C-alpha atoms as a PDB file:
ATOM      1  CA  UNK A   1      -0.155  -0.216  -0.413  1.00  0.00           C
ATOM      2  CA  UNK A   2       1.154   3.379  -1.008  1.00  0.00           C
ATOM      3  CA  UNK A   3       1.878   5.894   1.781  1.00  0.00           C
ATOM      4  CA  UNK A   4      -1.234   7.538   3.073  1.00  0.00           C
ATOM      5  CA  UNK A   5      -1.272  10.718   5.573  1.00  0.00           C
ATOM      6  CA  UNK A   6      -3.059  10.466   8.744  1.00  0.00           C
ATOM      7  CA  UNK A   7      -5.440  13.410   7.127  1.00  0.00           C
ATOM      8  CA  UNK A   8      -6.945  11.123   4.397  1.00  0.00           C
ATOM      9  CA  UNK A   9      -7.573   8.436   6.985  1.00  0.00           C
ATOM     10  CA  UNK A  10      -9.646  11.045   9.276  1.00  0.00           C
ATOM     11  CA  UNK A  11     -11.402  12.412   6.304  1.00  0.00           C
ATOM     12  CA  UNK A  12     -11.991   8.797   4.956  1.00  0.00           C
ATOM     13  CA  UNK A  13     -16.325   9.247   4.244  1.00  0.00           C
ATOM     14  CA  UNK A  14     -16.696   6.094   6.032  1.00  0.00           C
ATOM     15  CA  UNK A  15     -14.372   6.298   9.385  1.00  0.00           C
ATOM     16  CA  UNK A  16     -16.385   6.253  12.129  1.00  0.00           C
ATOM     17  CA  UNK A  17     -14.949   5.616  15.981  1.00  0.00           C
ATOM     18  CA  UNK A  18     -18.400   3.221  16.396  1.00  0.00           C
ATOM     19  CA  UNK A  19     -17.222   1.454  13.620  1.00  0.00           C
ATOM     20  CA  UNK A  20     -14.246   1.012  15.241  1.00  0.00           C
ATOM     21  CA  UNK A  21     -12.818  -1.117  17.856  1.00  0.00           C
ATOM     22  CA  UNK A  22      -9.369  -0.371  19.699  1.00  0.00           C
ATOM     23  CA  UNK A  23      -7.859  -2.056  21.861  1.00  0.00           C
ATOM     24  CA  UNK A  24      -5.019   0.106  22.795  1.00  0.00           C
ATOM     25  CA  UNK A  25      -2.493  -1.921  25.147  1.00  0.00           C
ATOM     26  CA  UNK A  26      -2.947  -4.861  23.104  1.00  0.00           C
ATOM     27  CA  UNK A  27      -2.190  -3.155  19.537  1.00  0.00           C
ATOM     28  CA  UNK A  28      -5.506  -4.348  17.879  1.00  0.00           C
ATOM     29  CA  UNK A  29      -8.068  -2.777  15.776  1.00  0.00           C
ATOM     30  CA  UNK A  30     -11.371  -4.297  14.497  1.00  0.00           C
ATOM     31  CA  UNK A  31     -12.976  -2.304  11.615  1.00  0.00           C
ATOM     32  CA  UNK A  32     -17.193  -3.073  11.331  1.00  0.00           C
ATOM     33  CA  UNK A  33     -18.570  -3.682   8.648  1.00  0.00           C
ATOM     34  CA  UNK A  34     -22.438  -3.157   8.071  1.00  0.00           C
ATOM     35  CA  UNK A  35     -24.253  -6.251   7.166  1.00  0.00           C
ATOM     36  CA  UNK A  36     -21.471  -8.718   8.099  1.00  0.00           C
ATOM     37  CA  UNK A  37     -22.159  -9.272  11.886  1.00  0.00           C
ATOM     38  CA  UNK A  38     -21.351  -5.658  13.225  1.00  0.00           C
ATOM     39  CA  UNK A  39     -24.564  -5.898  15.583  1.00  0.00           C
ATOM     40  CA  UNK A  40     -22.976  -9.248  17.005  1.00  0.00           C
ATOM     41  CA  UNK A  41     -19.268  -8.136  17.132  1.00  0.00           C
ATOM     42  CA  UNK A  42     -21.023  -5.099  19.586  1.00  0.00           C
ATOM     43  CA  UNK A  43     -22.837  -7.293  21.377  1.00  0.00           C
ATOM     44  CA  UNK A  44     -20.102  -9.890  21.871  1.00  0.00           C
ATOM     45  CA  UNK A  45     -17.332  -6.929  22.968  1.00  0.00           C
ATOM     46  CA  UNK A  46     -19.903  -5.920  25.219  1.00  0.00           C
ATOM     47  CA  UNK A  47     -20.852  -8.717  26.712  1.00  0.00           C
ATOM     48  CA  UNK A  48     -16.880  -9.708  27.179  1.00  0.00           C
ATOM     49  CA  UNK A  49     -15.935  -6.527  28.926  1.00  0.00           C
ATOM     50  CA  UNK A  50     -19.011  -7.173  31.379  1.00  0.00           C
ATOM     51  CA  UNK A  51     -18.082 -10.702  31.880  1.00  0.00           C
ATOM     52  CA  UNK A  52     -14.401 -11.182  31.672  1.00  0.00           C
ATOM     53  CA  UNK A  53     -12.980  -7.234  32.419  1.00  0.00           C
ATOM     54  CA  UNK A  54     -15.616  -6.553  35.168  1.00  0.00           C
ATOM     55  CA  UNK A  55     -17.032  -3.442  32.873  1.00  0.00           C
ATOM     56  CA  UNK A  56     -20.986  -2.830  33.063  1.00  0.00           C
ATOM     57  CA  UNK A  57     -19.886   0.039  31.297  1.00  0.00           C
ATOM     58  CA  UNK A  58     -18.014  -0.891  27.805  1.00  0.00           C
ATOM     59  CA  UNK A  59     -17.305   2.531  27.664  1.00  0.00           C
ATOM     60  CA  UNK A  60     -15.913   2.894  31.168  1.00  0.00           C
ATOM     61  CA  UNK A  61     -17.888   5.976  31.674  1.00  0.00           C
ATOM     62  CA  UNK A  62     -17.191   8.031  28.523  1.00  0.00           C
ATOM     63  CA  UNK A  63     -19.424   9.405  26.496  1.00  0.00           C
ATOM     64  CA  UNK A  64     -21.670   9.424  28.854  1.00  0.00           C
ATOM     65  CA  UNK A  65     -24.545  11.418  26.622  1.00  0.00           C
ATOM     66  CA  UNK A  66     -24.162   8.887  23.854  1.00  0.00           C
ATOM     67  CA  UNK A  67     -26.281   5.683  23.771  1.00  0.00           C
ATOM     68  CA  UNK A  68     -23.754   4.116  21.107  1.00  0.00           C
ATOM     69  CA  UNK A  69     -21.430   4.065  24.101  1.00  0.00           C
ATOM     70  CA  UNK A  70     -23.253   1.684  25.873  1.00  0.00           C
ATOM     71  CA  UNK A  71     -23.591  -0.649  23.373  1.00  0.00           C
ATOM     72  CA  UNK A  72     -19.701  -0.986  22.131  1.00  0.00           C
ATOM     73  CA  UNK A  73     -16.396  -0.321  23.340  1.00  0.00           C
ATOM     74  CA  UNK A  74     -15.869   3.464  22.672  1.00  0.00           C
ATOM     75  CA  UNK A  75     -12.062   4.189  23.279  1.00  0.00           C
ATOM     76  CA  UNK A  76     -10.177   7.767  24.398  1.00  0.00           C
ATOM     77  CA  UNK A  77     -10.066  10.243  21.547  1.00  0.00           C
ATOM     78  CA  UNK A  78      -6.344   9.865  21.800  1.00  0.00           C
ATOM     79  CA  UNK A  79      -6.217   5.968  21.078  1.00  0.00           C
ATOM     80  CA  UNK A  80      -8.469   6.936  17.506  1.00  0.00           C
ATOM     81  CA  UNK A  81      -5.977   9.956  16.826  1.00  0.00           C
ATOM     82  CA  UNK A  82      -2.768   7.559  17.869  1.00  0.00           C
ATOM     83  CA  UNK A  83      -4.437   4.527  15.495  1.00  0.00           C
ATOM     84  CA  UNK A  84      -5.063   6.966  12.419  1.00  0.00           C
ATOM     85  CA  UNK A  85      -1.628   8.142  12.528  1.00  0.00           C
ATOM     86  CA  UNK A  86       0.241   4.918  12.965  1.00  0.00           C
ATOM     87  CA  UNK A  87      -2.267   2.101  12.125  1.00  0.00           C
ATOM     88  CA  UNK A  88       0.513   0.045  11.188  1.00  0.00           C
ATOM     89  CA  UNK A  89       1.524  -0.993  14.529  1.00  0.00           C
ATOM     90  CA  UNK A  90      -1.859  -2.434  15.513  1.00  0.00           C
ATOM     91  CA  UNK A  91      -2.916  -5.613  13.861  1.00  0.00           C
ATOM     92  CA  UNK A  92      -6.277  -4.856  12.091  1.00  0.00           C
ATOM     93  CA  UNK A  93      -8.929  -7.271  11.062  1.00  0.00           C
ATOM     94  CA  UNK A  94     -12.464  -7.376   9.952  1.00  0.00           C
ATOM     95  CA  UNK A  95     -15.206  -9.758   8.968  1.00  0.00           C
ATOM     96  CA  UNK A  96     -16.526  -9.580   5.341  1.00  0.00           C
ATOM     97  CA  UNK A  97     -18.925 -11.327   3.812  1.00  0.00           C
ATOM     98  CA  UNK A  98     -20.165 -12.913   0.096  1.00  0.00           C
ATOM     99  CA  UNK A  99     -20.718  -9.838  -1.988  1.00  0.00           C
ATOM    100  CA  UNK A 100     -24.048 -11.475  -3.606  1.00  0.00           C
ATOM    101  CA  UNK A 101     -25.376 -12.246  -0.024  1.00  0.00           C
ATOM    102  CA  UNK A 102     -24.429  -8.753   1.753  1.00  0.00           C
ATOM    103  CA  UNK A 103     -26.486  -6.798  -0.884  1.00  0.00           C
ATOM    104  CA  UNK A 104     -29.375  -9.076  -0.672  1.00  0.00           C
ATOM    105  CA  UNK A 105     -29.342  -8.874   2.970  1.00  0.00           C
ATOM    106  CA  UNK A 106     -29.477  -5.115   2.614  1.00  0.00           C
ATOM    107  CA  UNK A 107     -32.199  -4.750   0.291  1.00  0.00           C
ATOM    108  CA  UNK A 108     -34.266  -7.240   2.280  1.00  0.00           C
ATOM    109  CA  UNK A 109     -33.382  -5.703   6.129  1.00  0.00           C
ATOM    110  CA  UNK A 110     -33.699  -1.952   4.739  1.00  0.00           C
ATOM    111  CA  UNK A 111     -36.744  -2.399   2.062  1.00  0.00           C
ATOM    112  CA  UNK A 112     -38.498  -5.371   2.412  1.00  0.00           C
ATOM    113  CA  UNK A 113     -38.773  -5.763   5.764  1.00  0.00           C
ATOM    114  CA  UNK A 114     -39.864  -2.018   5.950  1.00  0.00           C
ATOM    115  CA  UNK A 115     -42.948  -2.572   3.099  1.00  0.00           C
ATOM    116  CA  UNK A 116     -43.965  -5.531   5.203  1.00  0.00           C
ATOM    117  CA  UNK A 117     -43.898  -3.786   8.587  1.00  0.00           C
ATOM    118  CA  UNK A 118     -46.976  -1.917   8.230  1.00  0.00           C
ATOM    119  CA  UNK A 119     -50.173  -4.039   6.356  1.00  0.00           C
ATOM    120  CA  UNK A 120     -50.008  -1.471   3.362  1.00  0.00           C
ATOM    121  CA  UNK A 121     -46.470  -0.955   2.990  1.00  0.00           C
ATOM    122  CA  UNK A 122     -46.528   3.050   4.406  1.00  0.00           C
ATOM    123  CA  UNK A 123     -42.994   4.968   4.519  1.00  0.00           C
ATOM    124  CA  UNK A 124     -43.749   4.574   8.586  1.00  0.00           C
ATOM    125  CA  UNK A 125     -42.832   1.211   8.695  1.00  0.00           C
ATOM    126  CA  UNK A 126     -39.218   1.792   7.050  1.00  0.00           C
ATOM    127  CA  UNK A 127     -36.068   2.024   9.038  1.00  0.00           C
ATOM    128  CA  UNK A 128     -35.657   6.236   9.976  1.00  0.00           C
ATOM    129  CA  UNK A 129     -32.489   5.926   7.821  1.00  0.00           C
ATOM    130  CA  UNK A 130     -34.579   4.973   4.954  1.00  0.00           C
ATOM    131  CA  UNK A 131     -37.035   7.134   5.104  1.00  0.00           C
ATOM    132  CA  UNK A 132     -34.898  10.064   5.187  1.00  0.00           C
ATOM    133  CA  UNK A 133     -34.021  10.210   1.527  1.00  0.00           C
ATOM    134  CA  UNK A 134     -33.074   7.101   0.081  1.00  0.00           C
ATOM    135  CA  UNK A 135     -36.652   5.683  -0.102  1.00  0.00           C
ATOM    136  CA  UNK A 136     -37.841   8.776  -2.177  1.00  0.00           C
ATOM    137  CA  UNK A 137     -34.576   7.940  -4.275  1.00  0.00           C
ATOM    138  CA  UNK A 138     -34.725   4.462  -4.798  1.00  0.00           C
ATOM    139  CA  UNK A 139     -38.602   5.401  -6.401  1.00  0.00           C
ATOM    140  CA  UNK A 140     -37.050   8.304  -8.117  1.00  0.00           C
ATOM    141  CA  UNK A 141     -34.665   5.602  -9.559  1.00  0.00           C
ATOM    142  CA  UNK A 142     -37.912   3.564 -11.058  1.00  0.00           C
ATOM    143  CA  UNK A 143     -39.574   6.296 -12.107  1.00  0.00           C
ATOM    144  CA  UNK A 144     -36.692   7.454 -14.657  1.00  0.00           C
ATOM    145  CA  UNK A 145     -35.938   4.124 -15.582  1.00  0.00           C
ATOM    146  CA  UNK A 146     -39.568   2.463 -15.828  1.00  0.00           C
ATOM    147  CA  UNK A 147     -38.735   0.455 -13.043  1.00  0.00           C
ATOM    148  CA  UNK A 148     -41.655  -1.216 -10.371  1.00  0.00           C
ATOM    149  CA  UNK A 149     -41.209   0.350  -7.139  1.00  0.00           C
ATOM    150  CA  UNK A 150     -42.165   4.032  -7.924  1.00  0.00           C
ATOM    151  CA  UNK A 151     -45.469   4.675  -6.042  1.00  0.00           C
ATOM    152  CA  UNK A 152     -45.882   5.109  -2.156  1.00  0.00           C
ATOM    153  CA  UNK A 153     -46.900   2.012  -1.007  1.00  0.00           C
ATOM    154  CA  UNK A 154     -45.160  -0.080  -3.127  1.00  0.00           C
ATOM    155  CA  UNK A 155     -42.006  -2.189  -2.861  1.00  0.00           C
ATOM    156  CA  UNK A 156     -38.999  -1.589  -4.078  1.00  0.00           C
ATOM    157  CA  UNK A 157     -37.774  -5.018  -5.997  1.00  0.00           C
ATOM    158  CA  UNK A 158     -34.371  -5.800  -5.739  1.00  0.00           C
ATOM    159  CA  UNK A 159     -33.712  -4.914  -9.342  1.00  0.00           C
ATOM    160  CA  UNK A 160     -34.769  -1.032  -8.848  1.00  0.00           C
ATOM    161  CA  UNK A 161     -32.945  -1.147  -5.631  1.00  0.00           C
ATOM    162  CA  UNK A 162     -29.659  -2.427  -7.414  1.00  0.00           C
ATOM    163  CA  UNK A 163     -30.098   0.124 -10.066  1.00  0.00           C
ATOM    164  CA  UNK A 164     -30.115   2.904  -7.710  1.00  0.00           C
ATOM    165  CA  UNK A 165     -26.898   1.408  -6.247  1.00  0.00           C
ATOM    166  CA  UNK A 166     -25.211   1.774  -9.452  1.00  0.00           C
ATOM    167  CA  UNK A 167     -26.230   5.135  -9.754  1.00  0.00           C
ATOM    168  CA  UNK A 168     -24.585   6.267  -6.468  1.00  0.00           C
ATOM    169  CA  UNK A 169     -21.111   7.300  -6.331  1.00  0.00           C
ATOM    170  CA  UNK A 170     -18.302   4.351  -5.226  1.00  0.00           C
ATOM    171  CA  UNK A 171     -17.279   5.900  -1.911  1.00  0.00           C
ATOM    172  CA  UNK A 172     -19.896   7.967  -0.848  1.00  0.00           C
ATOM    173  CA  UNK A 173     -22.566   4.747  -0.777  1.00  0.00           C
ATOM    174  CA  UNK A 174     -24.691   4.082   2.350  1.00  0.00           C
ATOM    175  CA  UNK A 175     -22.542   2.061   4.203  1.00  0.00           C
ATOM    176  CA  UNK A 176     -24.979  -1.115   4.226  1.00  0.00           C
ATOM    177  CA  UNK A 177     -24.595  -1.699   0.431  1.00  0.00           C
ATOM    178  CA  UNK A 178     -20.838   0.356   0.014  1.00  0.00           C
ATOM    179  CA  UNK A 179     -18.413  -2.164  -1.707  1.00  0.00           C
ATOM    180  CA  UNK A 180     -16.744  -3.781   1.709  1.00  0.00           C
ATOM    181  CA  UNK A 181     -13.093  -3.003   0.418  1.00  0.00           C
ATOM    182  CA  UNK A 182     -14.307   1.054   0.784  1.00  0.00           C
ATOM    183  CA  UNK A 183     -16.393   0.791   3.935  1.00  0.00           C
ATOM    184  CA  UNK A 184     -13.725  -0.899   5.694  1.00  0.00           C
ATOM    185  CA  UNK A 185     -11.242   1.811   4.669  1.00  0.00           C
ATOM    186  CA  UNK A 186      -9.193  -0.649   3.127  1.00  0.00           C
ATOM    187  CA  UNK A 187      -7.721   1.590   0.804  1.00  0.00           C
ATOM    188  CA  UNK A 188      -6.128   3.590   3.316  1.00  0.00           C
ATOM    189  CA  UNK A 189      -5.586   0.847   6.104  1.00  0.00           C
ATOM    190  CA  UNK A 190      -2.874  -1.625   6.558  1.00  0.00           C
ATOM    191  CA  UNK A 191      -5.092  -4.549   6.992  1.00  0.00           C
ATOM    192  CA  UNK A 192      -3.255  -7.855   8.593  1.00  0.00           C
ATOM    193  CA  UNK A 193      -6.056  -9.952   7.883  1.00  0.00           C
ATOM    194  CA  UNK A 194     -10.038 -10.614   6.987  1.00  0.00           C
ATOM    195  CA  UNK A 195     -12.511 -12.999   8.685  1.00  0.00           C
ATOM    196  CA  UNK A 196     -14.949 -14.713   5.591  1.00  0.00           C
ATOM    197  CA  UNK A 197     -18.100 -14.920   7.530  1.00  0.00           C
ATOM    198  CA  UNK A 198     -18.954 -17.788   5.811  1.00  0.00           C
ATOM    199  CA  UNK A 199     -15.980 -19.713   6.737  1.00  0.00           C
ATOM    200  CA  UNK A 200     -17.035 -19.681  10.804  1.00  0.00           C
ATOM    201  CA  UNK A 201     -16.413 -16.552  12.919  1.00  0.00           C
ATOM    202  CA  UNK A 202     -15.857 -18.371  16.503  1.00  0.00           C
ATOM    203  CA  UNK A 203     -12.532 -19.888  16.314  1.00  0.00           C
ATOM    204  CA  UNK A 204     -10.817 -16.705  14.694  1.00  0.00           C
ATOM    205  CA  UNK A 205     -12.519 -14.248  16.929  1.00  0.00           C
ATOM    206  CA  UNK A 206     -11.569 -16.303  20.151  1.00  0.00           C
ATOM    207  CA  UNK A 207      -7.883 -16.327  19.054  1.00  0.00           C
ATOM    208  CA  UNK A 208      -8.020 -12.398  18.533  1.00  0.00           C
ATOM    209  CA  UNK A 209      -9.981 -11.911  21.286  1.00  0.00           C
ATOM    210  CA  UNK A 210      -7.617 -13.719  23.721  1.00  0.00           C
ATOM    211  CA  UNK A 211      -4.925 -11.418  24.877  1.00  0.00           C
ATOM    212  CA  UNK A 212      -7.986  -8.993  26.019  1.00  0.00           C
ATOM    213  CA  UNK A 213      -8.908 -11.795  28.192  1.00  0.00           C
ATOM    214  CA  UNK A 214     -12.149 -13.414  26.878  1.00  0.00           C
ATOM    215  CA  UNK A 215     -12.505 -17.196  27.139  1.00  0.00           C
ATOM    216  CA  UNK A 216     -12.500 -19.285  24.169  1.00  0.00           C
ATOM    217  CA  UNK A 217     -14.837 -21.224  24.759  1.00  0.00           C
ATOM    218  CA  UNK A 218     -17.224 -18.582  26.177  1.00  0.00           C
ATOM    219  CA  UNK A 219     -16.363 -16.556  22.615  1.00  0.00           C
ATOM    220  CA  UNK A 220     -17.144 -20.178  20.308  1.00  0.00           C
ATOM    221  CA  UNK A 221     -20.877 -20.166  22.532  1.00  0.00           C
ATOM    222  CA  UNK A 222     -21.611 -16.268  21.347  1.00  0.00           C
ATOM    223  CA  UNK A 223     -20.248 -16.903  17.660  1.00  0.00           C
ATOM    224  CA  UNK A 224     -22.967 -19.609  17.434  1.00  0.00           C
ATOM    225  CA  UNK A 225     -25.867 -17.365  17.918  1.00  0.00           C
ATOM    226  CA  UNK A 226     -26.368 -14.832  15.164  1.00  0.00           C
ATOM    227  CA  UNK A 227     -27.730 -11.374  16.006  1.00  0.00           C
ATOM    228  CA  UNK A 228     -30.022  -9.173  13.775  1.00  0.00           C
ATOM    229  CA  UNK A 229     -30.554 -11.347  10.923  1.00  0.00           C
ATOM    230  CA  UNK A 230     -32.632 -10.229   7.827  1.00  0.00           C
ATOM    231  CA  UNK A 231     -35.793 -11.912   6.907  1.00  0.00           C
ATOM    232  CA  UNK A 232     -35.205 -14.935   4.786  1.00  0.00           C
ATOM    233  CA  UNK A 233     -36.161 -14.801   1.383  1.00  0.00           C
ATOM    234  CA  UNK A 234     -38.636 -17.378   0.227  1.00  0.00           C
ATOM    235  CA  UNK A 235     -37.175 -17.707  -3.487  1.00  0.00           C
ATOM    236  CA  UNK A 236     -34.344 -16.895  -5.289  1.00  0.00           C
ATOM    237  CA  UNK A 237     -33.718 -13.377  -6.069  1.00  0.00           C
ATOM    238  CA  UNK A 238     -30.976 -13.136  -8.209  1.00  0.00           C
ATOM    239  CA  UNK A 239     -30.937 -14.284 -11.966  1.00  0.00           C
ATOM    240  CA  UNK A 240     -27.547 -14.403 -14.233  1.00  0.00           C
ATOM    241  CA  UNK A 241     -27.924 -11.122 -15.518  1.00  0.00           C
ATOM    242  CA  UNK A 242     -28.377  -9.361 -12.018  1.00  0.00           C
ATOM    243  CA  UNK A 243     -25.400 -11.748 -10.959  1.00  0.00           C
ATOM    244  CA  UNK A 244     -23.347 -10.016 -13.526  1.00  0.00           C
ATOM    245  CA  UNK A 245     -24.117  -6.613 -12.567  1.00  0.00           C
ATOM    246  CA  UNK A 246     -23.356  -7.439  -9.154  1.00  0.00           C
ATOM    247  CA  UNK A 247     -20.036  -8.813 -10.403  1.00  0.00           C
ATOM    248  CA  UNK A 248     -19.219  -5.173 -11.840  1.00  0.00           C
ATOM    249  CA  UNK A 249     -20.576  -3.415  -8.750  1.00  0.00           C
ATOM    250  CA  UNK A 250     -18.179  -5.208  -6.530  1.00  0.00           C
ATOM    251  CA  UNK A 251     -15.332  -6.381  -8.629  1.00  0.00           C
ATOM    252  CA  UNK A 252     -12.778  -5.309  -5.867  1.00  0.00           C
ATOM    253  CA  UNK A 253     -14.325  -7.270  -2.964  1.00  0.00           C
ATOM    254  CA  UNK A 254     -14.577 -10.227  -5.275  1.00  0.00           C
ATOM    255  CA  UNK A 255     -11.151 -10.551  -5.754  1.00  0.00           C
ATOM    256  CA  UNK A 256      -9.628  -8.905  -2.720  1.00  0.00           C
ATOM    257  CA  UNK A 257     -11.892 -11.339  -0.409  1.00  0.00           C
ATOM    258  CA  UNK A 258     -11.490 -14.037  -2.605  1.00  0.00           C
ATOM    259  CA  UNK A 259     -14.983 -14.939  -3.181  1.00  0.00           C
ATOM    260  CA  UNK A 260     -17.042 -17.252  -6.379  1.00  0.00           C
ATOM    261  CA  UNK A 261     -18.104 -15.143  -8.989  1.00  0.00           C
ATOM    262  CA  UNK A 262     -20.422 -17.883  -9.830  1.00  0.00           C
ATOM    263  CA  UNK A 263     -21.741 -18.449  -6.463  1.00  0.00           C
ATOM    264  CA  UNK A 264     -24.733 -16.487  -6.738  1.00  0.00           C
ATOM    265  CA  UNK A 265     -27.062 -19.706  -7.422  1.00  0.00           C
ATOM    266  CA  UNK A 266     -29.741 -19.852  -5.084  1.00  0.00           C
ATOM    267  CA  UNK A 267     -29.650 -16.346  -3.320  1.00  0.00           C
END
């Protein structure tokens, strides 16, 4: 990786202290990946701090007005500053997911489940983050391209959603369907390794968290219980034409994380 200034890291559009776990003493950094076990990982870290480190408050009293600081360990500001200046001092890891599964999951979570939350598909059933502009954007794409999903109360189908994502600028998309390479800041951070969700989370997380004092078997048990799953599709969402578009959209994710471009069938 070419030399990157700390200013570039600080200004990265996807940097957030709430998607970055730092254990400064152990020189460990875990970058959280939306739609790839981020809710699970926050819960695991919070429960582990309580169970093994005796910290009922995972952020140890910091940022009391911030709800997120009670939901995951949030480090002192100086730790983020030091990490962004010298990330090569840390072992930097993240969980990644098959790009097909991730984008279908994002659509089901943010659009299908929102639509089905009310009997008539009203906007009120969608997550606030989607009601605040994204839903209107998707319906606008449907109108512009003559696709279904343009009318209020109508489900935005996957193809319409994909067309919206394709229209957005890479690096500036919603983090739930941004390319993982971008949202993880792998373009500016020196990663030590990636854990593929499909290969199992328990053993690699148990090894990474052992220096913090987390019990190996306890981590394995928690990793066996997924958190915040989106609804499961009743039929396959993808076909060859849609899969080809996703391959183009997330080409770097397929290559960087070793996923099979032909692995879309049944999704």
